Protein backbone atom coordinates (compact mmCIF):
# COMPACT_ATOMS: atom_id res chain seq x y z
CA MET A 1 74.04 79.70 77.82
CA MET A 2 73.54 79.42 74.20
CA MET A 3 73.14 75.58 74.04
CA SER A 4 70.09 76.56 76.85
CA LYS A 5 68.79 79.31 74.04
CA ASN A 6 69.22 77.17 70.89
CA LEU A 7 67.46 74.35 72.65
CA SER A 8 64.49 76.36 73.91
CA SER A 9 64.53 77.80 70.40
CA LYS A 10 64.26 74.15 69.37
CA ARG A 11 61.55 72.98 71.88
CA CYS A 12 59.63 76.33 70.85
CA LEU A 13 59.63 75.26 67.26
CA LEU A 14 58.77 71.74 67.86
CA LEU A 15 56.06 72.41 69.69
CA GLN A 16 54.23 75.02 66.95
CA ALA A 17 54.76 72.25 64.90
CA LEU A 18 52.66 69.54 66.51
CA LEU A 19 50.13 72.27 66.87
CA LEU A 20 50.37 73.34 63.50
CA ALA A 21 49.46 69.26 62.40
CA LEU A 22 47.53 68.49 65.19
CA LEU A 23 45.50 71.62 63.77
CA LEU A 24 45.21 70.05 59.95
CA SER A 25 45.15 66.18 60.79
CA PRO A 26 42.54 64.20 58.78
CA ILE A 27 41.58 62.72 62.38
CA ALA A 28 38.91 65.33 61.58
CA GLY A 29 37.44 64.22 58.68
CA THR A 30 36.70 60.35 59.85
CA VAL A 31 34.68 61.28 63.23
CA ALA A 32 30.64 62.69 62.62
CA GLN A 33 31.13 64.80 59.70
CA GLN A 34 28.06 67.47 60.73
CA ILE A 35 28.52 69.89 63.50
CA GLN A 36 25.23 71.71 64.14
CA LEU A 37 26.40 75.52 64.42
CA SER A 38 25.63 76.26 68.31
CA ASN A 39 27.91 73.47 69.26
CA GLN A 40 30.63 74.86 66.99
CA ILE A 41 34.11 75.95 68.14
CA TRP A 42 35.31 78.39 65.54
CA SER A 43 38.36 76.64 64.33
CA ALA A 44 40.06 74.70 61.80
CA ASP A 45 37.74 72.04 62.61
CA VAL A 46 34.38 73.61 61.47
CA ILE A 47 35.85 73.37 57.80
CA ARG A 48 35.63 69.26 56.77
CA PRO A 49 35.46 67.54 53.83
CA SER A 50 32.09 67.09 53.36
CA GLY A 51 28.47 67.60 55.91
CA GLN A 52 28.49 70.84 56.87
CA PRO A 53 26.42 74.30 55.79
CA VAL A 54 27.27 77.31 53.25
CA ILE A 55 27.06 79.84 55.39
CA PRO A 56 25.31 83.42 53.73
CA LEU A 57 27.22 86.57 54.34
CA PHE A 58 26.89 90.39 53.57
CA ASP A 59 29.89 91.69 52.28
CA GLY A 60 28.19 95.61 52.28
CA TRP A 61 26.77 97.69 50.27
CA PHE A 62 27.33 100.88 47.42
CA ALA A 63 25.47 103.88 46.07
CA ASN A 64 24.86 103.67 42.18
CA ALA A 65 24.65 106.91 40.40
CA ASP A 66 21.02 107.44 39.76
CA GLY A 67 20.08 107.01 44.22
CA SER A 68 19.27 103.15 44.48
CA LYS A 69 21.89 100.73 46.50
CA SER A 70 23.18 97.87 46.05
CA LEU A 71 23.68 95.32 48.78
CA CYS A 72 26.10 92.54 48.20
CA PHE A 73 26.16 89.10 49.29
CA SER A 74 28.38 86.32 48.91
CA PHE A 75 28.83 83.04 50.82
CA PHE A 76 31.02 80.72 52.47
CA ASN A 77 30.94 77.20 51.93
CA LEU A 78 32.06 74.87 55.39
CA ASN A 79 33.06 72.04 52.90
CA SER A 80 36.06 71.58 51.53
CA GLU A 81 35.83 68.56 48.99
CA GLN A 82 31.72 69.02 48.46
CA SER A 83 29.62 71.21 46.63
CA LEU A 84 26.07 72.07 47.12
CA THR A 85 23.19 72.50 45.23
CA ILE A 86 20.21 74.70 46.30
CA PRO A 87 17.20 74.99 44.53
CA LEU A 88 15.30 78.65 44.51
CA GLY A 89 12.70 78.39 47.07
CA THR A 90 12.46 77.26 50.66
CA ASP A 91 15.87 76.84 51.32
CA ASN A 92 17.26 79.44 48.84
CA HIS A 93 15.20 82.81 48.80
CA LEU A 94 14.93 86.39 49.73
CA SER A 95 12.45 87.92 51.98
CA ASP A 96 11.10 90.35 49.30
CA ALA A 97 10.50 88.25 46.44
CA SER A 98 10.08 91.01 44.58
CA LEU A 99 13.26 92.18 44.10
CA ASP A 100 15.27 91.90 40.88
CA ALA A 101 18.54 89.20 41.87
CA ILE A 102 20.34 86.53 40.35
CA LEU A 103 20.73 84.06 43.68
CA PRO A 104 23.17 81.60 43.43
CA THR A 105 21.41 77.56 43.30
CA HIS A 106 25.21 75.94 42.96
CA PHE A 107 27.93 76.68 46.12
CA ASP A 108 31.54 75.54 45.37
CA PRO A 109 33.76 74.14 47.78
CA LEU A 110 35.89 76.43 50.40
CA PRO A 111 38.34 78.10 47.80
CA PRO A 112 42.25 76.49 49.10
CA ARG A 113 43.81 79.74 48.00
CA TYR A 114 41.08 82.63 49.94
CA ARG A 115 38.01 82.73 52.96
CA HIS A 116 35.00 82.92 50.83
CA LYS A 117 33.39 83.49 47.43
CA PHE A 118 32.96 87.53 47.69
CA CYS A 119 30.03 89.61 46.61
CA VAL A 120 28.79 86.44 44.32
CA PHE A 121 25.56 88.89 43.84
CA THR A 122 23.76 92.03 44.42
CA VAL A 123 20.43 93.35 45.16
CA THR A 124 19.67 97.13 44.13
CA VAL A 125 16.91 98.69 46.23
CA PRO A 126 15.90 101.78 45.68
CA ALA A 127 16.94 105.31 46.83
CA SER A 128 13.91 105.47 49.34
CA PHE A 129 15.27 102.43 50.69
CA GLY A 130 15.62 103.42 54.95
CA ILE A 131 18.95 102.91 56.75
CA ASP A 132 16.34 101.14 59.43
CA GLU A 133 14.98 98.39 56.48
CA THR A 134 16.72 95.02 55.23
CA VAL A 135 16.79 92.67 52.69
CA VAL A 136 17.22 88.70 54.17
CA TRP A 137 18.85 86.04 52.14
CA ASN A 138 17.64 82.99 53.88
CA LEU A 139 19.60 79.53 52.92
CA SER A 140 19.04 76.60 53.93
CA SER A 141 21.85 73.50 53.93
CA ALA A 142 22.89 70.54 55.94
CA SER A 143 19.52 70.30 58.12
CA GLN A 144 20.41 73.96 59.04
CA SER A 145 18.59 77.05 58.32
CA LEU A 146 20.45 80.21 58.26
CA SER A 147 20.04 84.02 57.55
CA ILE A 148 22.19 87.14 56.43
CA PRO A 149 19.94 90.78 56.17
CA GLY A 150 21.35 93.11 54.28
CA HIS A 151 21.23 96.81 54.86
CA ILE A 152 22.35 100.33 54.04
CA LEU A 153 24.14 101.10 57.69
CA PRO A 154 27.43 103.86 56.67
CA ALA A 155 29.74 101.36 59.01
CA TYR A 156 29.10 98.60 55.44
CA VAL A 157 29.20 101.13 52.61
CA LEU A 158 32.38 99.69 50.24
CA ASP A 159 34.35 101.23 47.61
CA GLU A 160 33.14 100.60 44.07
CA PRO A 161 34.23 100.89 41.26
CA ALA A 162 37.74 101.95 42.77
CA SER A 163 38.95 102.69 46.00
CA GLY A 164 41.13 106.17 46.75
CA GLY A 165 42.39 104.87 49.62
CA ARG A 166 44.06 101.90 48.20
CA GLY A 167 44.59 103.15 44.39
CA ASP A 168 42.85 100.44 43.45
CA VAL A 169 40.31 100.05 40.35
CA ALA A 170 38.09 96.79 39.24
CA PRO A 171 38.47 95.48 36.10
CA LEU A 172 36.94 96.86 33.42
CA VAL A 173 34.74 93.94 31.37
CA LYS A 174 33.16 93.47 28.40
CA LEU A 175 31.57 90.74 26.29
CA SER A 176 32.18 91.32 22.35
CA ALA A 177 35.54 93.08 21.27
CA ASP A 178 33.20 96.35 20.71
CA GLY A 179 30.58 96.22 23.54
CA VAL A 180 29.86 98.28 26.54
CA GLY A 181 32.55 97.60 29.32
CA VAL A 182 31.43 97.84 32.75
CA ARG A 183 33.40 97.55 36.59
CA GLY A 184 32.29 96.69 39.96
CA ARG A 185 30.36 94.09 41.25
CA LYS A 186 26.74 94.61 39.89
CA GLY A 187 28.25 93.26 36.99
CA LEU A 188 27.06 92.62 33.49
CA PHE A 189 25.59 90.05 31.82
CA SER A 190 25.49 88.08 28.35
CA GLU A 191 22.32 90.30 26.06
CA ALA A 192 21.89 87.05 24.27
CA ALA A 193 22.12 83.05 25.35
CA ILE A 194 25.10 80.80 23.99
CA SER A 195 23.78 77.71 23.11
CA GLY A 196 26.08 74.31 23.53
CA ARG A 197 25.36 70.55 23.54
CA VAL A 198 25.66 68.08 26.62
CA GLY A 199 29.22 66.81 26.93
CA GLU A 200 30.74 69.33 24.21
CA ALA A 201 32.83 72.23 24.95
CA VAL A 202 31.45 75.82 24.81
CA ASN A 203 33.66 79.23 24.29
CA LEU A 204 33.04 81.40 26.98
CA SER A 205 34.78 84.93 26.52
CA ALA A 206 35.73 88.35 28.17
CA TRP A 207 37.59 91.28 26.81
CA ILE A 208 39.39 92.83 30.16
CA GLU A 209 41.23 96.03 30.47
CA HIS A 210 42.89 96.53 33.90
CA PRO A 211 46.35 99.33 34.13
CA ASP A 212 48.38 95.86 35.85
CA GLU A 213 50.34 93.58 33.78
CA GLU A 214 48.77 90.95 35.24
CA ILE A 215 45.66 90.03 36.41
CA TRP A 216 43.34 87.35 38.62
CA VAL A 217 40.43 85.51 36.40
CA GLY A 218 38.62 82.99 38.10
CA TRP A 219 35.12 80.92 36.43
CA ALA A 220 32.05 79.53 38.53
CA LYS A 221 29.12 77.77 37.77
CA HIS A 222 26.29 80.08 39.58
CA SER A 223 23.05 77.85 38.80
CA GLY A 224 22.03 75.29 36.16
CA PRO A 225 20.39 71.81 36.62
CA GLY A 226 24.03 69.67 35.82
CA VAL A 227 27.21 69.32 36.45
CA VAL A 228 30.06 72.06 34.72
CA GLU A 229 33.20 71.52 34.23
CA PHE A 230 35.88 74.15 33.46
CA ASP A 231 39.24 73.84 31.42
CA GLU A 232 40.14 76.28 33.88
CA LEU A 233 38.75 77.44 37.17
CA GLU A 234 41.26 80.27 37.63
CA TYR A 235 44.12 81.81 36.53
CA MET A 236 46.06 85.01 35.63
CA MET A 237 45.70 86.63 32.58
CA ARG A 238 47.57 89.41 31.01
CA PRO A 239 44.77 92.29 29.99
CA ALA A 240 46.37 93.22 26.94
CA ALA A 241 47.33 90.14 25.34
CA GLY A 242 43.24 89.78 23.74
CA PRO A 243 40.28 88.14 25.37
CA THR A 244 40.52 85.77 28.00
CA GLU A 245 38.68 82.27 27.38
CA VAL A 246 37.45 79.25 28.75
CA GLU A 247 35.86 75.67 27.95
CA ALA A 248 32.77 74.99 30.02
CA THR A 249 31.24 71.65 29.14
CA PHE A 250 27.92 70.70 30.48
CA ALA A 251 26.23 67.78 31.84
CA ALA A 252 22.34 68.07 31.64
CA PRO A 253 20.40 69.63 28.83
CA GLY A 254 18.57 73.19 30.36
CA ARG A 255 20.01 76.56 30.89
CA TYR A 256 22.93 77.59 33.27
CA ILE A 257 24.18 81.51 34.28
CA VAL A 258 28.15 80.92 34.67
CA ARG A 259 29.52 83.39 36.90
CA MET A 260 33.08 85.13 36.13
CA GLN A 261 34.76 87.38 38.02
CA THR A 262 37.98 88.72 38.07
CA ILE A 263 40.54 90.94 40.03
CA ASP A 264 43.92 92.41 40.26
CA SER A 265 45.07 89.77 42.71
CA ILE A 266 42.94 87.90 45.30
CA ALA A 267 45.07 88.95 48.16
CA ALA A 268 42.67 92.26 47.39
CA PHE A 269 39.06 90.47 48.39
CA GLU A 270 40.08 90.91 51.74
CA PHE A 271 40.05 94.43 50.99
CA TYR A 272 36.32 94.26 49.78
CA CYS A 273 37.76 95.74 46.71
CA CYS A 274 38.00 95.87 43.88
CA HIS A 275 36.48 93.58 41.94
CA THR A 276 33.87 92.89 38.58
CA ASN A 277 31.12 90.19 37.71
CA ALA A 278 30.36 88.64 34.61
CA TYR A 279 27.59 86.54 34.01
CA PHE A 280 26.71 84.37 31.04
CA THR A 281 22.95 82.36 30.36
CA VAL A 282 23.85 78.88 28.90
CA ASP A 283 21.41 77.07 27.02
CA ILE A 284 22.17 73.52 26.70
CA SER A 285 20.63 71.12 24.67
CA ASN A 286 20.39 67.17 24.28
């Protein structure tokens, strides 16, 4: 009987390994790249190296001290290798153009260690914004036009900038040693543009405070005309060890926005609390 149980267990493990191998098989990348959303079966096969669209997402909302509300938008790039550029305009816009928001135009591939890019920008609506009103983010890519409504339904309220239930708090970020510190997803913005030249490394730095010994920091191009390369895309750092710094190199002249996000650990993203955004404006000349 013991031998029979062992064989059964081995067969089960073999079957699990076979299913996993099929799920992760590179064969999916060799067939036609694009799958229309109406024909997709939601499995790992939806995520492909290239040819798939970026899906706009609504993470939720939080109230501000002045009575206004901030809506959090994020995205899920269904490509594991291909980044996409979607300029502002017909293919990338809000339903209400009068609202102040810094929409991303660059969309990194699917992060290998977490599900999607969380709350990359916010839209602040007035205190009078009704529960039946929406702000829609429209995003078109890979021949597919998608949209997501942002709203203030109670079920979507977010803890911000701290979660009493989890005992978590967003890192405090400053863009200079003696600057004003900000916590949370609305983030903070560089007061003046940082200047640089094409092909030359530009130093970007931030001072971060948090009770944990180590926290996560990630960098990304938010918008701009050319490729941006970072010496480190994401890493763990000690908040008490001085400023965190990255070297960014820009391939073309023009104005860029670089986005920094920080959280105690990437696992905390799944609880939709608590991270801080920072946005750096960079002007690059030849």
